[in-house]
């Protein structure tokens, strides 16, 4: 749970910094969400692949 709260806090902090410096997001929201989906799906794959290669 702490990891999720840290991640949320970091995201909010970066969002506030973007707003203060009037910087546009580097990726359109749709593309950013697809990237996040890839990270969420890819994270559990690494241990599975390592287990598969070791076994």
PDB file of N, CA and C in Angstrom:
ATOM      1  N   UNK A   1       0.816  -1.193   0.000  1.00  0.00           N
ATOM      2  CA  UNK A   1       0.000   0.000   0.000  1.00  0.00           C
ATOM      3  C   UNK A   1       0.862   1.260   0.000  1.00  0.00           C
ATOM      4  N   UNK A   2       1.987   1.211   0.729  1.00  0.00           N
ATOM      5  CA  UNK A   2       2.876   2.362   0.796  1.00  0.00           C
ATOM      6  C   UNK A   2       3.432   2.699  -0.585  1.00  0.00           C
ATOM      7  N   UNK A   3       3.743   1.678  -1.366  1.00  0.00           N
ATOM      8  CA  UNK A   3       4.267   1.902  -2.712  1.00  0.00           C
ATOM      9  C   UNK A   3       3.261   2.657  -3.564  1.00  0.00           C
ATOM     10  N   UNK A   4       1.989   2.299  -3.446  1.00  0.00           N
ATOM     11  CA  UNK A   4       0.954   2.968  -4.221  1.00  0.00           C
ATOM     12  C   UNK A   4       0.804   4.424  -3.794  1.00  0.00           C
ATOM     13  N   UNK A   5       0.879   4.676  -2.492  1.00  0.00           N
ATOM     14  CA  UNK A   5       0.766   6.048  -2.007  1.00  0.00           C
ATOM     15  C   UNK A   5       1.960   6.892  -2.437  1.00  0.00           C
ATOM     16  N   UNK A   6       3.155   6.306  -2.408  1.00  0.00           N
ATOM     17  CA  UNK A   6       4.342   7.024  -2.884  1.00  0.00           C
ATOM     18  C   UNK A   6       4.227   7.334  -4.374  1.00  0.00           C
ATOM     19  N   UNK A   7       3.748   6.378  -5.129  1.00  0.00           N
ATOM     20  CA  UNK A   7       3.577   6.588  -6.559  1.00  0.00           C
ATOM     21  C   UNK A   7       2.553   7.684  -6.836  1.00  0.00           C
ATOM     22  N   UNK A   8       1.445   7.657  -6.112  1.00  0.00           N
ATOM     23  CA  UNK A   8       0.423   8.682  -6.271  1.00  0.00           C
ATOM     24  C   UNK A   8       0.980  10.050  -5.899  1.00  0.00           C
ATOM     25  N   UNK A   9       1.695  10.118  -4.785  1.00  0.00           N
ATOM     26  CA  UNK A   9       2.295  11.383  -4.358  1.00  0.00           C
ATOM     27  C   UNK A   9       3.286  11.926  -5.368  1.00  0.00           C
ATOM     28  N   UNK A  10       4.111  11.040  -5.926  1.00  0.00           N
ATOM     29  CA  UNK A  10       5.081  11.467  -6.935  1.00  0.00           C
ATOM     30  C   UNK A  10       4.362  11.986  -8.180  1.00  0.00           C
ATOM     31  N   UNK A  11       3.306  11.305  -8.579  1.00  0.00           N
ATOM     32  CA  UNK A  11       2.544  11.747  -9.744  1.00  0.00           C
ATOM     33  C   UNK A  11       1.905  13.105  -9.530  1.00  0.00           C
ATOM     34  N   UNK A  12       1.343  13.307  -8.340  1.00  0.00           N
ATOM     35  CA  UNK A  12       0.740  14.608  -8.030  1.00  0.00           C
ATOM     36  C   UNK A  12       1.800  15.697  -8.011  1.00  0.00           C
ATOM     37  N   UNK A  13       2.946  15.409  -7.413  1.00  0.00           N
ATOM     38  CA  UNK A  13       4.034  16.391  -7.360  1.00  0.00           C
ATOM     39  C   UNK A  13       4.495  16.781  -8.764  1.00  0.00           C
ATOM     40  N   UNK A  14       4.674  15.810  -9.630  1.00  0.00           N
ATOM     41  CA  UNK A  14       5.089  16.098 -11.002  1.00  0.00           C
ATOM     42  C   UNK A  14       4.006  16.904 -11.722  1.00  0.00           C
ATOM     43  N   UNK A  15       2.738  16.553 -11.502  1.00  0.00           N
ATOM     44  CA  UNK A  15       1.647  17.304 -12.114  1.00  0.00           C
ATOM     45  C   UNK A  15       1.634  18.758 -11.679  1.00  0.00           C
ATOM     46  N   UNK A  16       1.873  18.992 -10.387  1.00  0.00           N
ATOM     47  CA  UNK A  16       1.927  20.366  -9.876  1.00  0.00           C
ATOM     48  C   UNK A  16       3.108  21.110 -10.487  1.00  0.00           C
ATOM     49  N   UNK A  17       4.252  20.442 -10.599  1.00  0.00           N
ATOM     50  CA  UNK A  17       5.420  21.088 -11.206  1.00  0.00           C
ATOM     51  C   UNK A  17       5.151  21.435 -12.667  1.00  0.00           C
ATOM     52  N   UNK A  18       4.510  20.531 -13.405  1.00  0.00           N
ATOM     53  CA  UNK A  18       4.155  20.819 -14.800  1.00  0.00           C
ATOM     54  C   UNK A  18       3.270  22.055 -14.872  1.00  0.00           C
ATOM     55  N   UNK A  19       2.299  22.144 -13.958  1.00  0.00           N
ATOM     56  CA  UNK A  19       1.382  23.285 -13.962  1.00  0.00           C
ATOM     57  C   UNK A  19       2.111  24.578 -13.606  1.00  0.00           C
ATOM     58  N   UNK A  20       3.005  24.528 -12.631  1.00  0.00           N
ATOM     59  CA  UNK A  20       3.737  25.732 -12.227  1.00  0.00           C
ATOM     60  C   UNK A  20       4.622  26.267 -13.343  1.00  0.00           C
ATOM     61  N   UNK A  21       5.272  25.373 -14.068  1.00  0.00           N
ATOM     62  CA  UNK A  21       6.172  25.783 -15.140  1.00  0.00           C
ATOM     63  C   UNK A  21       5.474  25.876 -16.496  1.00  0.00           C
ATOM     64  N   UNK A  22       4.149  25.612 -16.488  1.00  0.00           N
ATOM     65  CA  UNK A  22       3.339  25.681 -17.704  1.00  0.00           C
ATOM     66  C   UNK A  22       3.922  24.802 -18.826  1.00  0.00           C
ATOM     67  N   UNK A  23       4.278  23.582 -18.444  1.00  0.00           N
ATOM     68  CA  UNK A  23       4.839  22.615 -19.384  1.00  0.00           C
ATOM     69  C   UNK A  23       3.723  21.669 -19.809  1.00  0.00           C
ATOM     70  N   UNK A  24       3.625  21.431 -21.089  1.00  0.00           N
ATOM     71  CA  UNK A  24       2.643  20.455 -21.574  1.00  0.00           C
ATOM     72  C   UNK A  24       3.146  19.048 -21.286  1.00  0.00           C
ATOM     73  N   UNK A  25       2.211  18.155 -21.083  1.00  0.00           N
ATOM     74  CA  UNK A  25       2.564  16.763 -20.878  1.00  0.00           C
ATOM     75  C   UNK A  25       3.320  16.245 -22.101  1.00  0.00           C
ATOM     76  N   UNK A  26       4.370  15.448 -21.905  1.00  0.00           N
ATOM     77  CA  UNK A  26       5.153  14.974 -23.045  1.00  0.00           C
ATOM     78  C   UNK A  26       4.404  13.996 -23.951  1.00  0.00           C
ATOM     79  N   UNK A  27       3.293  13.453 -23.477  1.00  0.00           N
ATOM     80  CA  UNK A  27       2.543  12.498 -24.306  1.00  0.00           C
ATOM     81  C   UNK A  27       1.052  12.811 -24.191  1.00  0.00           C
ATOM     82  N   UNK A  28       0.325  12.655 -25.281  1.00  0.00           N
ATOM     83  CA  UNK A  28      -1.128  12.812 -25.189  1.00  0.00           C
ATOM     84  C   UNK A  28      -1.703  11.799 -24.199  1.00  0.00           C
ATOM     85  N   UNK A  29      -2.815  12.138 -23.523  1.00  0.00           N
ATOM     86  CA  UNK A  29      -3.342  11.248 -22.482  1.00  0.00           C
ATOM     87  C   UNK A  29      -3.585   9.807 -22.937  1.00  0.00           C
ATOM     88  N   UNK A  30      -4.091   9.612 -24.131  1.00  0.00           N
ATOM     89  CA  UNK A  30      -4.348   8.251 -24.605  1.00  0.00           C
ATOM     90  C   UNK A  30      -3.076   7.431 -24.698  1.00  0.00           C
ATOM     91  N   UNK A  31      -2.044   8.027 -25.253  1.00  0.00           N
ATOM     92  CA  UNK A  31      -0.764   7.327 -25.390  1.00  0.00           C
ATOM     93  C   UNK A  31      -0.150   7.072 -24.014  1.00  0.00           C
ATOM     94  N   UNK A  32      -0.268   8.049 -23.121  1.00  0.00           N
ATOM     95  CA  UNK A  32       0.270   7.877 -21.771  1.00  0.00           C
ATOM     96  C   UNK A  32      -0.439   6.730 -21.048  1.00  0.00           C
ATOM     97  N   UNK A  33      -1.754   6.634 -21.211  1.00  0.00           N
ATOM     98  CA  UNK A  33      -2.489   5.547 -20.551  1.00  0.00           C
ATOM     99  C   UNK A  33      -2.110   4.186 -21.116  1.00  0.00           C
ATOM    100  N   UNK A  34      -1.859   4.112 -22.408  1.00  0.00           N
ATOM    101  CA  UNK A  34      -1.421   2.854 -23.004  1.00  0.00           C
ATOM    102  C   UNK A  34      -0.049   2.467 -22.455  1.00  0.00           C
ATOM    103  N   UNK A  35       0.823   3.464 -22.301  1.00  0.00           N
ATOM    104  CA  UNK A  35       2.135   3.204 -21.709  1.00  0.00           C
ATOM    105  C   UNK A  35       2.033   2.710 -20.279  1.00  0.00           C
ATOM    106  N   UNK A  36       1.139   3.328 -19.508  1.00  0.00           N
ATOM    107  CA  UNK A  36       0.932   2.867 -18.127  1.00  0.00           C
ATOM    108  C   UNK A  36       0.380   1.449 -18.096  1.00  0.00           C
ATOM    109  N   UNK A  37      -0.534   1.149 -18.997  1.00  0.00           N
ATOM    110  CA  UNK A  37      -1.070  -0.207 -19.075  1.00  0.00           C
ATOM    111  C   UNK A  37       0.048  -1.200 -19.369  1.00  0.00           C
ATOM    112  N   UNK A  38       0.936  -0.836 -20.278  1.00  0.00           N
ATOM    113  CA  UNK A  38       2.073  -1.702 -20.592  1.00  0.00           C
ATOM    114  C   UNK A  38       2.960  -1.940 -19.384  1.00  0.00           C
ATOM    115  N   UNK A  39       3.178  -0.899 -18.581  1.00  0.00           N
ATOM    116  CA  UNK A  39       3.997  -1.069 -17.379  1.00  0.00           C
ATOM    117  C   UNK A  39       3.305  -1.976 -16.371  1.00  0.00           C
ATOM    118  N   UNK A  40       1.997  -1.783 -16.194  1.00  0.00           N
ATOM    119  CA  UNK A  40       1.254  -2.595 -15.236  1.00  0.00           C
ATOM    120  C   UNK A  40       1.237  -4.059 -15.665  1.00  0.00           C
ATOM    121  N   UNK A  41       1.070  -4.305 -16.952  1.00  0.00           N
ATOM    122  CA  UNK A  41       1.049  -5.683 -17.446  1.00  0.00           C
ATOM    123  C   UNK A  41       2.447  -6.287 -17.494  1.00  0.00           C
ATOM    124  N   UNK A  42       3.451  -5.470 -17.779  1.00  0.00           N
ATOM    125  CA  UNK A  42       4.809  -5.974 -17.924  1.00  0.00           C
ATOM    126  C   UNK A  42       5.497  -6.285 -16.608  1.00  0.00           C
ATOM    127  N   UNK A  43       5.111  -5.590 -15.539  1.00  0.00           N
ATOM    128  CA  UNK A  43       5.782  -5.786 -14.251  1.00  0.00           C
ATOM    129  C   UNK A  43       5.696  -7.223 -13.760  1.00  0.00           C
ATOM    130  N   UNK A  44       4.548  -7.868 -13.766  1.00  0.00           N
ATOM    131  CA  UNK A  44       4.509  -9.254 -13.277  1.00  0.00           C
ATOM    132  C   UNK A  44       5.085 -10.263 -14.266  1.00  0.00           C
ATOM    133  N   UNK A  45       5.333  -9.850 -15.503  1.00  0.00           N
ATOM    134  CA  UNK A  45       5.858 -10.790 -16.494  1.00  0.00           C
ATOM    135  C   UNK A  45       7.320 -11.153 -16.238  1.00  0.00           C
ATOM    136  N   UNK A  46       8.103 -10.214 -15.734  1.00  0.00           N
ATOM    137  CA  UNK A  46       9.535 -10.479 -15.529  1.00  0.00           C
ATOM    138  C   UNK A  46       9.770 -11.652 -14.585  1.00  0.00           C
ATOM    139  N   UNK A  47       9.153 -11.697 -13.399  1.00  0.00           N
ATOM    140  CA  UNK A  47       9.362 -12.873 -12.540  1.00  0.00           C
ATOM    141  C   UNK A  47       8.884 -14.171 -13.197  1.00  0.00           C
ATOM    142  N   UNK A  48       7.793 -14.111 -13.949  1.00  0.00           N
ATOM    143  CA  UNK A  48       7.306 -15.312 -14.629  1.00  0.00           C
ATOM    144  C   UNK A  48       8.314 -15.806 -15.666  1.00  0.00           C
ATOM    145  N   UNK A  49       8.866 -14.890 -16.413  1.00  0.00           N
ATOM    146  CA  UNK A  49       9.857 -15.262 -17.441  1.00  0.00           C
ATOM    147  C   UNK A  49      11.120 -15.812 -16.776  1.00  0.00           C
ATOM    148  N   UNK A  50      11.567 -15.164 -15.676  1.00  0.00           N
ATOM    149  CA  UNK A  50      12.745 -15.659 -14.977  1.00  0.00           C
ATOM    150  C   UNK A  50      12.509 -17.053 -14.412  1.00  0.00           C
ATOM    151  N   UNK A  51      11.337 -17.289 -13.864  1.00  0.00           N
ATOM    152  CA  UNK A  51      10.993 -18.606 -13.324  1.00  0.00           C
ATOM    153  C   UNK A  51      10.951 -19.644 -14.455  1.00  0.00           C
ATOM    154  N   UNK A  52      10.380 -19.255 -15.577  1.00  0.00           N
ATOM    155  CA  UNK A  52      10.271 -20.152 -16.718  1.00  0.00           C
ATOM    156  C   UNK A  52      11.653 -20.517 -17.268  1.00  0.00           C
ATOM    157  N   UNK A  53      12.552 -19.530 -17.341  1.00  0.00           N
ATOM    158  CA  UNK A  53      13.902 -19.799 -17.855  1.00  0.00           C
ATOM    159  C   UNK A  53      14.718 -20.634 -16.876  1.00  0.00           C
ATOM    160  N   UNK A  54      14.504 -20.440 -15.579  1.00  0.00           N
ATOM    161  CA  UNK A  54      15.258 -21.186 -14.583  1.00  0.00           C
ATOM    162  C   UNK A  54      14.751 -22.612 -14.436  1.00  0.00           C
ATOM    163  N   UNK A  55      13.464 -22.823 -14.734  1.00  0.00           N
ATOM    164  CA  UNK A  55      12.853 -24.139 -14.489  1.00  0.00           C
ATOM    165  C   UNK A  55      12.990 -25.016 -15.660  1.00  0.00           C
TER     166      UNK A  55
END
